[in-house]
């Protein structure tokens, strides 16, 4: 399945774009690098996994995407607490990341039944 057909991939990419835009002018390069990389990693790992031949390999990359999503949630909460992220916007990102996690779990179950 091509990643472009997956709603979870589309949502992960949109979230990453939003995060990149918010942090475009951030001078804390360490934090900026971490949060943008983890957001970018979600969609990227979904895409890479969908191109794998075996369902086991697909699930491995979905697992990696789930880990990156959890990492992003942590960074969003920290960003809110240190004043880098507006609380309202940050909480909408947390909501979206939790939705992405649910979608990834469902996608993973789809491939687990085929293994």
PDB file of N, CA and C in Angstrom:
ATOM      1  N   UNK A   1       0.848  -1.193   0.000  1.00  0.00           N
ATOM      2  CA  UNK A   1       0.000   0.000   0.000  1.00  0.00           C
ATOM      3  C   UNK A   1       0.882   1.241   0.000  1.00  0.00           C
ATOM      4  N   UNK A   2       0.553   2.151  -0.830  1.00  0.00           N
ATOM      5  CA  UNK A   2       1.286   3.411  -0.896  1.00  0.00           C
ATOM      6  C   UNK A   2       0.918   4.272   0.303  1.00  0.00           C
ATOM      7  N   UNK A   3       1.924   4.895   0.891  1.00  0.00           N
ATOM      8  CA  UNK A   3       1.686   5.706   2.089  1.00  0.00           C
ATOM      9  C   UNK A   3       0.745   6.871   1.824  1.00  0.00           C
ATOM     10  N   UNK A   4       0.761   7.385   0.617  1.00  0.00           N
ATOM     11  CA  UNK A   4      -0.073   8.543   0.287  1.00  0.00           C
ATOM     12  C   UNK A   4      -1.570   8.267   0.430  1.00  0.00           C
ATOM     13  N   UNK A   5      -1.934   7.013   0.452  1.00  0.00           N
ATOM     14  CA  UNK A   5      -3.343   6.635   0.604  1.00  0.00           C
ATOM     15  C   UNK A   5      -3.777   6.570   2.060  1.00  0.00           C
ATOM     16  N   UNK A   6      -2.831   6.582   2.969  1.00  0.00           N
ATOM     17  CA  UNK A   6      -3.121   6.409   4.394  1.00  0.00           C
ATOM     18  C   UNK A   6      -3.417   7.743   5.074  1.00  0.00           C
ATOM     19  N   UNK A   7      -4.560   7.825   5.728  1.00  0.00           N
ATOM     20  CA  UNK A   7      -4.927   9.038   6.460  1.00  0.00           C
ATOM     21  C   UNK A   7      -3.923   9.318   7.575  1.00  0.00           C
ATOM     22  N   UNK A   8      -3.414   8.271   8.221  1.00  0.00           N
ATOM     23  CA  UNK A   8      -2.447   8.465   9.316  1.00  0.00           C
ATOM     24  C   UNK A   8      -1.168   9.116   8.793  1.00  0.00           C
ATOM     25  N   UNK A   9      -0.740   8.741   7.614  1.00  0.00           N
ATOM     26  CA  UNK A   9       0.459   9.341   7.020  1.00  0.00           C
ATOM     27  C   UNK A   9       0.194  10.823   6.702  1.00  0.00           C
ATOM     28  N   UNK A  10      -0.974  11.109   6.131  1.00  0.00           N
ATOM     29  CA  UNK A  10      -1.323  12.496   5.799  1.00  0.00           C
ATOM     30  C   UNK A  10      -1.355  13.370   7.056  1.00  0.00           C
ATOM     31  N   UNK A  11      -1.963  12.850   8.112  1.00  0.00           N
ATOM     32  CA  UNK A  11      -2.063  13.624   9.349  1.00  0.00           C
ATOM     33  C   UNK A  11      -0.704  13.819   9.999  1.00  0.00           C
ATOM     34  N   UNK A  12       0.131  12.794   9.958  1.00  0.00           N
ATOM     35  CA  UNK A  12       1.483  12.913  10.522  1.00  0.00           C
ATOM     36  C   UNK A  12       2.290  13.962   9.753  1.00  0.00           C
ATOM     37  N   UNK A  13       2.148  13.978   8.442  1.00  0.00           N
ATOM     38  CA  UNK A  13       2.866  14.973   7.630  1.00  0.00           C
ATOM     39  C   UNK A  13       2.372  16.388   7.918  1.00  0.00           C
ATOM     40  N   UNK A  14       1.067  16.561   8.026  1.00  0.00           N
ATOM     41  CA  UNK A  14       0.516  17.893   8.330  1.00  0.00           C
ATOM     42  C   UNK A  14       0.993  18.383   9.693  1.00  0.00           C
ATOM     43  N   UNK A  15       1.019  17.490  10.673  1.00  0.00           N
ATOM     44  CA  UNK A  15       1.491  17.862  12.001  1.00  0.00           C
ATOM     45  C   UNK A  15       2.953  18.289  11.942  1.00  0.00           C
ATOM     46  N   UNK A  16       3.765  17.549  11.219  1.00  0.00           N
ATOM     47  CA  UNK A  16       5.176  17.884  11.088  1.00  0.00           C
ATOM     48  C   UNK A  16       5.359  19.256  10.435  1.00  0.00           C
ATOM     49  N   UNK A  17       4.585  19.528   9.400  1.00  0.00           N
ATOM     50  CA  UNK A  17       4.653  20.836   8.729  1.00  0.00           C
ATOM     51  C   UNK A  17       4.317  21.947   9.717  1.00  0.00           C
ATOM     52  N   UNK A  18       3.266  21.759  10.505  1.00  0.00           N
ATOM     53  CA  UNK A  18       2.881  22.769  11.491  1.00  0.00           C
ATOM     54  C   UNK A  18       3.995  23.018  12.504  1.00  0.00           C
ATOM     55  N   UNK A  19       4.602  21.953  12.964  1.00  0.00           N
ATOM     56  CA  UNK A  19       5.685  22.079  13.947  1.00  0.00           C
ATOM     57  C   UNK A  19       6.885  22.791  13.326  1.00  0.00           C
ATOM     58  N   UNK A  20       7.244  22.429  12.112  1.00  0.00           N
ATOM     59  CA  UNK A  20       8.351  23.113  11.433  1.00  0.00           C
ATOM     60  C   UNK A  20       8.076  24.611  11.296  1.00  0.00           C
ATOM     61  N   UNK A  21       6.853  24.967  10.955  1.00  0.00           N
ATOM     62  CA  UNK A  21       6.519  26.382  10.791  1.00  0.00           C
ATOM     63  C   UNK A  21       6.625  27.141  12.112  1.00  0.00           C
ATOM     64  N   UNK A  22       6.128  26.548  13.188  1.00  0.00           N
ATOM     65  CA  UNK A  22       6.181  27.214  14.493  1.00  0.00           C
ATOM     66  C   UNK A  22       7.624  27.405  14.954  1.00  0.00           C
ATOM     67  N   UNK A  23       8.478  26.431  14.675  1.00  0.00           N
ATOM     68  CA  UNK A  23       9.856  26.493  15.168  1.00  0.00           C
ATOM     69  C   UNK A  23      10.848  27.060  14.154  1.00  0.00           C
ATOM     70  N   UNK A  24      10.366  27.582  13.050  1.00  0.00           N
ATOM     71  CA  UNK A  24      11.254  28.105  12.006  1.00  0.00           C
ATOM     72  C   UNK A  24      12.226  29.158  12.530  1.00  0.00           C
ATOM     73  N   UNK A  25      11.776  30.000  13.428  1.00  0.00           N
ATOM     74  CA  UNK A  25      12.646  31.074  13.917  1.00  0.00           C
ATOM     75  C   UNK A  25      13.173  30.826  15.331  1.00  0.00           C
ATOM     76  N   UNK A  26      12.980  29.637  15.850  1.00  0.00           N
ATOM     77  CA  UNK A  26      13.448  29.319  17.205  1.00  0.00           C
ATOM     78  C   UNK A  26      14.976  29.297  17.251  1.00  0.00           C
ATOM     79  N   UNK A  27      15.535  29.975  18.254  1.00  0.00           N
ATOM     80  CA  UNK A  27      16.991  30.044  18.383  1.00  0.00           C
ATOM     81  C   UNK A  27      17.572  28.922  19.250  1.00  0.00           C
ATOM     82  N   UNK A  28      16.714  28.172  19.942  1.00  0.00           N
ATOM     83  CA  UNK A  28      17.178  27.028  20.724  1.00  0.00           C
ATOM     84  C   UNK A  28      17.283  25.847  19.763  1.00  0.00           C
ATOM     85  N   UNK A  29      18.434  25.754  19.120  1.00  0.00           N
ATOM     86  CA  UNK A  29      18.606  24.785  18.050  1.00  0.00           C
ATOM     87  C   UNK A  29      18.532  23.346  18.539  1.00  0.00           C
ATOM     88  N   UNK A  30      18.917  23.084  19.780  1.00  0.00           N
ATOM     89  CA  UNK A  30      18.830  21.732  20.322  1.00  0.00           C
ATOM     90  C   UNK A  30      17.388  21.275  20.411  1.00  0.00           C
ATOM     91  N   UNK A  31      16.545  22.102  21.012  1.00  0.00           N
ATOM     92  CA  UNK A  31      15.132  21.757  21.143  1.00  0.00           C
ATOM     93  C   UNK A  31      14.461  21.719  19.775  1.00  0.00           C
ATOM     94  N   UNK A  32      14.728  22.716  18.968  1.00  0.00           N
ATOM     95  CA  UNK A  32      14.155  22.795  17.626  1.00  0.00           C
ATOM     96  C   UNK A  32      14.498  21.542  16.823  1.00  0.00           C
ATOM     97  N   UNK A  33      15.752  21.119  16.900  1.00  0.00           N
ATOM     98  CA  UNK A  33      16.200  19.940  16.168  1.00  0.00           C
ATOM     99  C   UNK A  33      15.469  18.683  16.646  1.00  0.00           C
ATOM    100  N   UNK A  34      15.335  18.529  17.958  1.00  0.00           N
ATOM    101  CA  UNK A  34      14.674  17.343  18.517  1.00  0.00           C
ATOM    102  C   UNK A  34      13.218  17.268  18.119  1.00  0.00           C
ATOM    103  N   UNK A  35      12.481  18.354  18.310  1.00  0.00           N
ATOM    104  CA  UNK A  35      11.037  18.304  18.063  1.00  0.00           C
ATOM    105  C   UNK A  35      10.723  18.197  16.572  1.00  0.00           C
ATOM    106  N   UNK A  36      11.512  18.832  15.741  1.00  0.00           N
ATOM    107  CA  UNK A  36      11.255  18.710  14.304  1.00  0.00           C
ATOM    108  C   UNK A  36      11.638  17.324  13.798  1.00  0.00           C
ATOM    109  N   UNK A  37      12.738  16.768  14.325  1.00  0.00           N
ATOM    110  CA  UNK A  37      13.137  15.416  13.902  1.00  0.00           C
ATOM    111  C   UNK A  37      12.130  14.360  14.322  1.00  0.00           C
ATOM    112  N   UNK A  38      11.639  14.445  15.552  1.00  0.00           N
ATOM    113  CA  UNK A  38      10.669  13.435  15.981  1.00  0.00           C
ATOM    114  C   UNK A  38       9.374  13.559  15.189  1.00  0.00           C
ATOM    115  N   UNK A  39       8.945  14.788  14.891  1.00  0.00           N
ATOM    116  CA  UNK A  39       7.719  14.949  14.095  1.00  0.00           C
ATOM    117  C   UNK A  39       7.925  14.426  12.674  1.00  0.00           C
ATOM    118  N   UNK A  40       9.067  14.685  12.099  1.00  0.00           N
ATOM    119  CA  UNK A  40       9.379  14.223  10.749  1.00  0.00           C
ATOM    120  C   UNK A  40       9.486  12.703  10.689  1.00  0.00           C
ATOM    121  N   UNK A  41       9.967  12.114  11.756  1.00  0.00           N
ATOM    122  CA  UNK A  41      10.185  10.671  11.820  1.00  0.00           C
ATOM    123  C   UNK A  41       8.892   9.869  11.742  1.00  0.00           C
ATOM    124  N   UNK A  42       7.798  10.425  12.221  1.00  0.00           N
ATOM    125  CA  UNK A  42       6.540   9.681  12.235  1.00  0.00           C
ATOM    126  C   UNK A  42       6.107   9.330  10.807  1.00  0.00           C
ATOM    127  N   UNK A  43       5.874  10.340   9.999  1.00  0.00           N
ATOM    128  CA  UNK A  43       5.454  10.095   8.620  1.00  0.00           C
ATOM    129  C   UNK A  43       6.498   9.354   7.802  1.00  0.00           C
ATOM    130  N   UNK A  44       7.760   9.656   8.059  1.00  0.00           N
ATOM    131  CA  UNK A  44       8.837   9.009   7.309  1.00  0.00           C
ATOM    132  C   UNK A  44       8.875   7.506   7.564  1.00  0.00           C
ATOM    133  N   UNK A  45       8.684   7.102   8.820  1.00  0.00           N
ATOM    134  CA  UNK A  45       8.704   5.678   9.132  1.00  0.00           C
ATOM    135  C   UNK A  45       7.453   4.959   8.643  1.00  0.00           C
ATOM    136  N   UNK A  46       6.329   5.644   8.640  1.00  0.00           N
ATOM    137  CA  UNK A  46       5.134   5.055   8.040  1.00  0.00           C
ATOM    138  C   UNK A  46       5.401   4.780   6.560  1.00  0.00           C
ATOM    139  N   UNK A  47       5.945   5.783   5.875  1.00  0.00           N
ATOM    140  CA  UNK A  47       6.236   5.642   4.440  1.00  0.00           C
ATOM    141  C   UNK A  47       7.219   4.506   4.183  1.00  0.00           C
ATOM    142  N   UNK A  48       8.294   4.469   4.958  1.00  0.00           N
ATOM    143  CA  UNK A  48       9.291   3.424   4.748  1.00  0.00           C
ATOM    144  C   UNK A  48       8.698   2.050   5.006  1.00  0.00           C
ATOM    145  N   UNK A  49       7.912   1.932   6.054  1.00  0.00           N
ATOM    146  CA  UNK A  49       7.306   0.642   6.379  1.00  0.00           C
ATOM    147  C   UNK A  49       6.361   0.142   5.304  1.00  0.00           C
ATOM    148  N   UNK A  50       5.592   1.047   4.724  1.00  0.00           N
ATOM    149  CA  UNK A  50       4.619   0.626   3.725  1.00  0.00           C
ATOM    150  C   UNK A  50       5.282   0.114   2.452  1.00  0.00           C
ATOM    151  N   UNK A  51       6.541   0.460   2.257  1.00  0.00           N
ATOM    152  CA  UNK A  51       7.264  -0.018   1.077  1.00  0.00           C
ATOM    153  C   UNK A  51       7.970  -1.350   1.309  1.00  0.00           C
ATOM    154  N   UNK A  52       7.944  -1.836   2.528  1.00  0.00           N
ATOM    155  CA  UNK A  52       8.575  -3.119   2.835  1.00  0.00           C
ATOM    156  C   UNK A  52       7.706  -4.266   2.337  1.00  0.00           C
ATOM    157  N   UNK A  53       8.350  -5.353   1.990  1.00  0.00           N
ATOM    158  CA  UNK A  53       7.623  -6.499   1.428  1.00  0.00           C
ATOM    159  C   UNK A  53       6.892  -7.294   2.490  1.00  0.00           C
ATOM    160  N   UNK A  54       7.529  -7.547   3.620  1.00  0.00           N
ATOM    161  CA  UNK A  54       6.912  -8.418   4.619  1.00  0.00           C
ATOM    162  C   UNK A  54       6.091  -7.623   5.629  1.00  0.00           C
ATOM    163  N   UNK A  55       5.043  -8.252   6.126  1.00  0.00           N
ATOM    164  CA  UNK A  55       4.217  -7.626   7.146  1.00  0.00           C
ATOM    165  C   UNK A  55       5.003  -7.423   8.438  1.00  0.00           C
ATOM    166  N   UNK A  56       5.936  -8.310   8.706  1.00  0.00           N
ATOM    167  CA  UNK A  56       6.785  -8.166   9.896  1.00  0.00           C
ATOM    168  C   UNK A  56       7.617  -6.882   9.796  1.00  0.00           C
ATOM    169  N   UNK A  57       8.182  -6.618   8.632  1.00  0.00           N
ATOM    170  CA  UNK A  57       8.956  -5.393   8.424  1.00  0.00           C
ATOM    171  C   UNK A  57       8.057  -4.149   8.495  1.00  0.00           C
ATOM    172  N   UNK A  58       6.856  -4.248   7.928  1.00  0.00           N
ATOM    173  CA  UNK A  58       5.913  -3.132   8.002  1.00  0.00           C
ATOM    174  C   UNK A  58       5.651  -2.778   9.464  1.00  0.00           C
ATOM    175  N   UNK A  59       5.381  -3.803  10.274  1.00  0.00           N
ATOM    176  CA  UNK A  59       5.098  -3.567  11.685  1.00  0.00           C
ATOM    177  C   UNK A  59       6.286  -2.992  12.435  1.00  0.00           C
ATOM    178  N   UNK A  60       7.474  -3.384  12.055  1.00  0.00           N
ATOM    179  CA  UNK A  60       8.666  -2.835  12.712  1.00  0.00           C
ATOM    180  C   UNK A  60       8.731  -1.325  12.515  1.00  0.00           C
ATOM    181  N   UNK A  61       8.444  -0.860  11.318  1.00  0.00           N
ATOM    182  CA  UNK A  61       8.477   0.584  11.061  1.00  0.00           C
ATOM    183  C   UNK A  61       7.283   1.309  11.682  1.00  0.00           C
ATOM    184  N   UNK A  62       6.150   0.635  11.769  1.00  0.00           N
ATOM    185  CA  UNK A  62       5.014   1.225  12.488  1.00  0.00           C
ATOM    186  C   UNK A  62       5.386   1.399  13.955  1.00  0.00           C
ATOM    187  N   UNK A  63       6.086   0.402  14.525  1.00  0.00           N
ATOM    188  CA  UNK A  63       6.563   0.520  15.916  1.00  0.00           C
ATOM    189  C   UNK A  63       7.486   1.716  16.095  1.00  0.00           C
ATOM    190  N   UNK A  64       8.363   1.920  15.146  1.00  0.00           N
ATOM    191  CA  UNK A  64       9.280   3.051  15.211  1.00  0.00           C
ATOM    192  C   UNK A  64       8.481   4.362  15.148  1.00  0.00           C
ATOM    193  N   UNK A  65       7.479   4.411  14.274  1.00  0.00           N
ATOM    194  CA  UNK A  65       6.625   5.602  14.173  1.00  0.00           C
ATOM    195  C   UNK A  65       5.888   5.847  15.486  1.00  0.00           C
ATOM    196  N   UNK A  66       5.438   4.782  16.144  1.00  0.00           N
ATOM    197  CA  UNK A  66       4.774   4.931  17.443  1.00  0.00           C
ATOM    198  C   UNK A  66       5.745   5.504  18.474  1.00  0.00           C
ATOM    199  N   UNK A  67       6.973   5.028  18.469  1.00  0.00           N
ATOM    200  CA  UNK A  67       7.970   5.555  19.398  1.00  0.00           C
ATOM    201  C   UNK A  67       8.251   7.024  19.148  1.00  0.00           C
ATOM    202  N   UNK A  68       8.347   7.406  17.894  1.00  0.00           N
ATOM    203  CA  UNK A  68       8.573   8.815  17.560  1.00  0.00           C
ATOM    204  C   UNK A  68       7.389   9.676  17.979  1.00  0.00           C
ATOM    205  N   UNK A  69       6.183   9.124  17.878  1.00  0.00           N
ATOM    206  CA  UNK A  69       4.993   9.858  18.291  1.00  0.00           C
ATOM    207  C   UNK A  69       5.008  10.092  19.796  1.00  0.00           C
ATOM    208  N   UNK A  70       5.374   9.068  20.551  1.00  0.00           N
ATOM    209  CA  UNK A  70       5.472   9.214  22.011  1.00  0.00           C
ATOM    210  C   UNK A  70       6.556  10.222  22.381  1.00  0.00           C
ATOM    211  N   UNK A  71       7.652  10.186  21.661  1.00  0.00           N
ATOM    212  CA  UNK A  71       8.734  11.153  21.879  1.00  0.00           C
ATOM    213  C   UNK A  71       8.233  12.575  21.612  1.00  0.00           C
ATOM    214  N   UNK A  72       7.472  12.737  20.553  1.00  0.00           N
ATOM    215  CA  UNK A  72       6.939  14.054  20.211  1.00  0.00           C
ATOM    216  C   UNK A  72       5.989  14.565  21.288  1.00  0.00           C
ATOM    217  N   UNK A  73       5.139  13.700  21.810  1.00  0.00           N
ATOM    218  CA  UNK A  73       4.226  14.114  22.878  1.00  0.00           C
ATOM    219  C   UNK A  73       5.016  14.673  24.058  1.00  0.00           C
ATOM    220  N   UNK A  74       6.076  13.983  24.440  1.00  0.00           N
ATOM    221  CA  UNK A  74       6.933  14.437  25.546  1.00  0.00           C
ATOM    222  C   UNK A  74       7.508  15.815  25.252  1.00  0.00           C
ATOM    223  N   UNK A  75       8.012  16.001  24.055  1.00  0.00           N
ATOM    224  CA  UNK A  75       8.626  17.267  23.686  1.00  0.00           C
ATOM    225  C   UNK A  75       7.605  18.394  23.624  1.00  0.00           C
ATOM    226  N   UNK A  76       6.393  18.084  23.215  1.00  0.00           N
ATOM    227  CA  UNK A  76       5.339  19.109  23.195  1.00  0.00           C
ATOM    228  C   UNK A  76       5.046  19.580  24.614  1.00  0.00           C
ATOM    229  N   UNK A  77       4.874  18.634  25.527  1.00  0.00           N
ATOM    230  CA  UNK A  77       4.604  19.013  26.919  1.00  0.00           C
ATOM    231  C   UNK A  77       5.742  19.851  27.503  1.00  0.00           C
ATOM    232  N   UNK A  78       6.960  19.463  27.221  1.00  0.00           N
ATOM    233  CA  UNK A  78       8.107  20.236  27.704  1.00  0.00           C
ATOM    234  C   UNK A  78       8.109  21.615  27.058  1.00  0.00           C
ATOM    235  N   UNK A  79       7.856  21.668  25.748  1.00  0.00           N
ATOM    236  CA  UNK A  79       7.803  22.950  25.047  1.00  0.00           C
ATOM    237  C   UNK A  79       6.754  23.886  25.618  1.00  0.00           C
ATOM    238  N   UNK A  80       5.617  23.337  26.016  1.00  0.00           N
ATOM    239  CA  UNK A  80       4.574  24.158  26.648  1.00  0.00           C
ATOM    240  C   UNK A  80       5.085  24.698  27.975  1.00  0.00           C
ATOM    241  N   UNK A  81       5.669  23.832  28.776  1.00  0.00           N
ATOM    242  CA  UNK A  81       6.127  24.223  30.121  1.00  0.00           C
ATOM    243  C   UNK A  81       7.237  25.271  30.087  1.00  0.00           C
ATOM    244  N   UNK A  82       8.092  25.219  29.091  1.00  0.00           N
ATOM    245  CA  UNK A  82       9.192  26.186  29.035  1.00  0.00           C
ATOM    246  C   UNK A  82       8.836  27.425  28.208  1.00  0.00           C
ATOM    247  N   UNK A  83       7.601  27.470  27.733  1.00  0.00           N
ATOM    248  CA  UNK A  83       7.128  28.664  27.038  1.00  0.00           C
ATOM    249  C   UNK A  83       7.458  28.731  25.554  1.00  0.00           C
ATOM    250  N   UNK A  84       7.898  27.640  24.963  1.00  0.00           N
ATOM    251  CA  UNK A  84       8.196  27.628  23.530  1.00  0.00           C
ATOM    252  C   UNK A  84       6.943  27.392  22.689  1.00  0.00           C
ATOM    253  N   UNK A  85       5.938  26.750  23.287  1.00  0.00           N
ATOM    254  CA  UNK A  85       4.725  26.396  22.560  1.00  0.00           C
ATOM    255  C   UNK A  85       3.532  26.967  23.312  1.00  0.00           C
ATOM    256  N   UNK A  86       2.687  27.669  22.586  1.00  0.00           N
ATOM    257  CA  UNK A  86       1.438  28.161  23.153  1.00  0.00           C
ATOM    258  C   UNK A  86       0.635  26.968  23.666  1.00  0.00           C
ATOM    259  N   UNK A  87       0.090  27.083  24.863  1.00  0.00           N
ATOM    260  CA  UNK A  87      -0.596  25.950  25.495  1.00  0.00           C
ATOM    261  C   UNK A  87      -1.767  25.436  24.654  1.00  0.00           C
ATOM    262  N   UNK A  88      -2.568  26.328  24.105  1.00  0.00           N
ATOM    263  CA  UNK A  88      -3.712  25.901  23.295  1.00  0.00           C
ATOM    264  C   UNK A  88      -3.255  25.132  22.063  1.00  0.00           C
ATOM    265  N   UNK A  89      -2.249  25.676  21.383  1.00  0.00           N
ATOM    266  CA  UNK A  89      -1.735  25.001  20.196  1.00  0.00           C
ATOM    267  C   UNK A  89      -1.074  23.681  20.582  1.00  0.00           C
ATOM    268  N   UNK A  90      -0.303  23.694  21.636  1.00  0.00           N
ATOM    269  CA  UNK A  90       0.371  22.482  22.087  1.00  0.00           C
ATOM    270  C   UNK A  90      -0.603  21.374  22.448  1.00  0.00           C
ATOM    271  N   UNK A  91      -1.685  21.735  23.134  1.00  0.00           N
ATOM    272  CA  UNK A  91      -2.663  20.716  23.510  1.00  0.00           C
ATOM    273  C   UNK A  91      -3.401  20.180  22.286  1.00  0.00           C
ATOM    274  N   UNK A  92      -3.566  20.994  21.257  1.00  0.00           N
ATOM    275  CA  UNK A  92      -4.165  20.481  20.018  1.00  0.00           C
ATOM    276  C   UNK A  92      -3.201  19.517  19.334  1.00  0.00           C
ATOM    277  N   UNK A  93      -1.890  19.793  19.432  1.00  0.00           N
ATOM    278  CA  UNK A  93      -0.890  18.856  18.899  1.00  0.00           C
ATOM    279  C   UNK A  93      -0.904  17.546  19.681  1.00  0.00           C
ATOM    280  N   UNK A  94      -1.029  17.639  21.000  1.00  0.00           N
ATOM    281  CA  UNK A  94      -1.087  16.420  21.821  1.00  0.00           C
ATOM    282  C   UNK A  94      -2.307  15.591  21.421  1.00  0.00           C
ATOM    283  N   UNK A  95      -3.438  16.249  21.239  1.00  0.00           N
ATOM    284  CA  UNK A  95      -4.642  15.542  20.810  1.00  0.00           C
ATOM    285  C   UNK A  95      -4.411  14.850  19.471  1.00  0.00           C
ATOM    286  N   UNK A  96      -3.796  15.549  18.548  1.00  0.00           N
ATOM    287  CA  UNK A  96      -3.526  14.975  17.233  1.00  0.00           C
ATOM    288  C   UNK A  96      -2.538  13.814  17.329  1.00  0.00           C
ATOM    289  N   UNK A  97      -1.505  13.940  18.146  1.00  0.00           N
ATOM    290  CA  UNK A  97      -0.542  12.838  18.277  1.00  0.00           C
ATOM    291  C   UNK A  97      -1.211  11.612  18.891  1.00  0.00           C
ATOM    292  N   UNK A  98      -2.123  11.818  19.830  1.00  0.00           N
ATOM    293  CA  UNK A  98      -2.846  10.685  20.405  1.00  0.00           C
ATOM    294  C   UNK A  98      -3.748  10.013  19.369  1.00  0.00           C
ATOM    295  N   UNK A  99      -4.347  10.810  18.497  1.00  0.00           N
ATOM    296  CA  UNK A  99      -5.144  10.236  17.402  1.00  0.00           C
ATOM    297  C   UNK A  99      -4.247   9.448  16.443  1.00  0.00           C
ATOM    298  N   UNK A 100      -3.084   9.986  16.156  1.00  0.00           N
ATOM    299  CA  UNK A 100      -2.133   9.288  15.284  1.00  0.00           C
ATOM    300  C   UNK A 100      -1.705   7.972  15.921  1.00  0.00           C
ATOM    301  N   UNK A 101      -1.468   7.967  17.226  1.00  0.00           N
ATOM    302  CA  UNK A 101      -1.112   6.722  17.918  1.00  0.00           C
ATOM    303  C   UNK A 101      -2.214   5.676  17.776  1.00  0.00           C
ATOM    304  N   UNK A 102      -3.457   6.082  17.925  1.00  0.00           N
ATOM    305  CA  UNK A 102      -4.583   5.149  17.770  1.00  0.00           C
ATOM    306  C   UNK A 102      -4.618   4.587  16.347  1.00  0.00           C
ATOM    307  N   UNK A 103      -4.403   5.460  15.384  1.00  0.00           N
ATOM    308  CA  UNK A 103      -4.419   5.026  13.989  1.00  0.00           C
ATOM    309  C   UNK A 103      -3.269   4.068  13.696  1.00  0.00           C
ATOM    310  N   UNK A 104      -2.104   4.345  14.278  1.00  0.00           N
ATOM    311  CA  UNK A 104      -0.961   3.457  14.095  1.00  0.00           C
ATOM    312  C   UNK A 104      -1.220   2.093  14.727  1.00  0.00           C
ATOM    313  N   UNK A 105      -1.847   2.073  15.883  1.00  0.00           N
ATOM    314  CA  UNK A 105      -2.183   0.801  16.534  1.00  0.00           C
ATOM    315  C   UNK A 105      -3.121  -0.021  15.664  1.00  0.00           C
ATOM    316  N   UNK A 106      -4.108   0.633  15.073  1.00  0.00           N
ATOM    317  CA  UNK A 106      -5.039  -0.072  14.186  1.00  0.00           C
ATOM    318  C   UNK A 106      -4.320  -0.593  12.946  1.00  0.00           C
ATOM    319  N   UNK A 107      -3.427   0.210  12.399  1.00  0.00           N
ATOM    320  CA  UNK A 107      -2.660  -0.210  11.224  1.00  0.00           C
ATOM    321  C   UNK A 107      -1.785  -1.409  11.567  1.00  0.00           C
ATOM    322  N   UNK A 108      -1.165  -1.360  12.725  1.00  0.00           N
ATOM    323  CA  UNK A 108      -0.310  -2.463  13.168  1.00  0.00           C
ATOM    324  C   UNK A 108      -1.123  -3.748  13.324  1.00  0.00           C
ATOM    325  N   UNK A 109      -2.296  -3.655  13.913  1.00  0.00           N
ATOM    326  CA  UNK A 109      -3.154  -4.841  14.078  1.00  0.00           C
ATOM    327  C   UNK A 109      -3.510  -5.450  12.726  1.00  0.00           C
ATOM    328  N   UNK A 110      -3.710  -4.596  11.745  1.00  0.00           N
ATOM    329  CA  UNK A 110      -4.023  -5.063  10.398  1.00  0.00           C
ATOM    330  C   UNK A 110      -2.909  -5.971   9.868  1.00  0.00           C
ATOM    331  N   UNK A 111      -1.671  -5.613  10.115  1.00  0.00           N
ATOM    332  CA  UNK A 111      -0.557  -6.407   9.616  1.00  0.00           C
ATOM    333  C   UNK A 111      -0.223  -7.572  10.537  1.00  0.00           C
ATOM    334  N   UNK A 112      -0.530  -7.469  11.820  1.00  0.00           N
ATOM    335  CA  UNK A 112      -0.284  -8.573  12.753  1.00  0.00           C
ATOM    336  C   UNK A 112      -1.139  -9.770  12.401  1.00  0.00           C
ATOM    337  N   UNK A 113      -2.351  -9.538  11.931  1.00  0.00           N
ATOM    338  CA  UNK A 113      -3.235 -10.650  11.581  1.00  0.00           C
ATOM    339  C   UNK A 113      -2.738 -11.389  10.345  1.00  0.00           C
ATOM    340  N   UNK A 114      -1.875 -10.766   9.587  1.00  0.00           N
ATOM    341  CA  UNK A 114      -1.353 -11.385   8.364  1.00  0.00           C
ATOM    342  C   UNK A 114      -0.023 -12.108   8.597  1.00  0.00           C
ATOM    343  N   UNK A 115       0.594 -11.889   9.758  1.00  0.00           N
ATOM    344  CA  UNK A 115       1.919 -12.487  10.014  1.00  0.00           C
ATOM    345  C   UNK A 115       1.766 -13.952  10.354  1.00  0.00           C
TER     346      UNK A 115
END
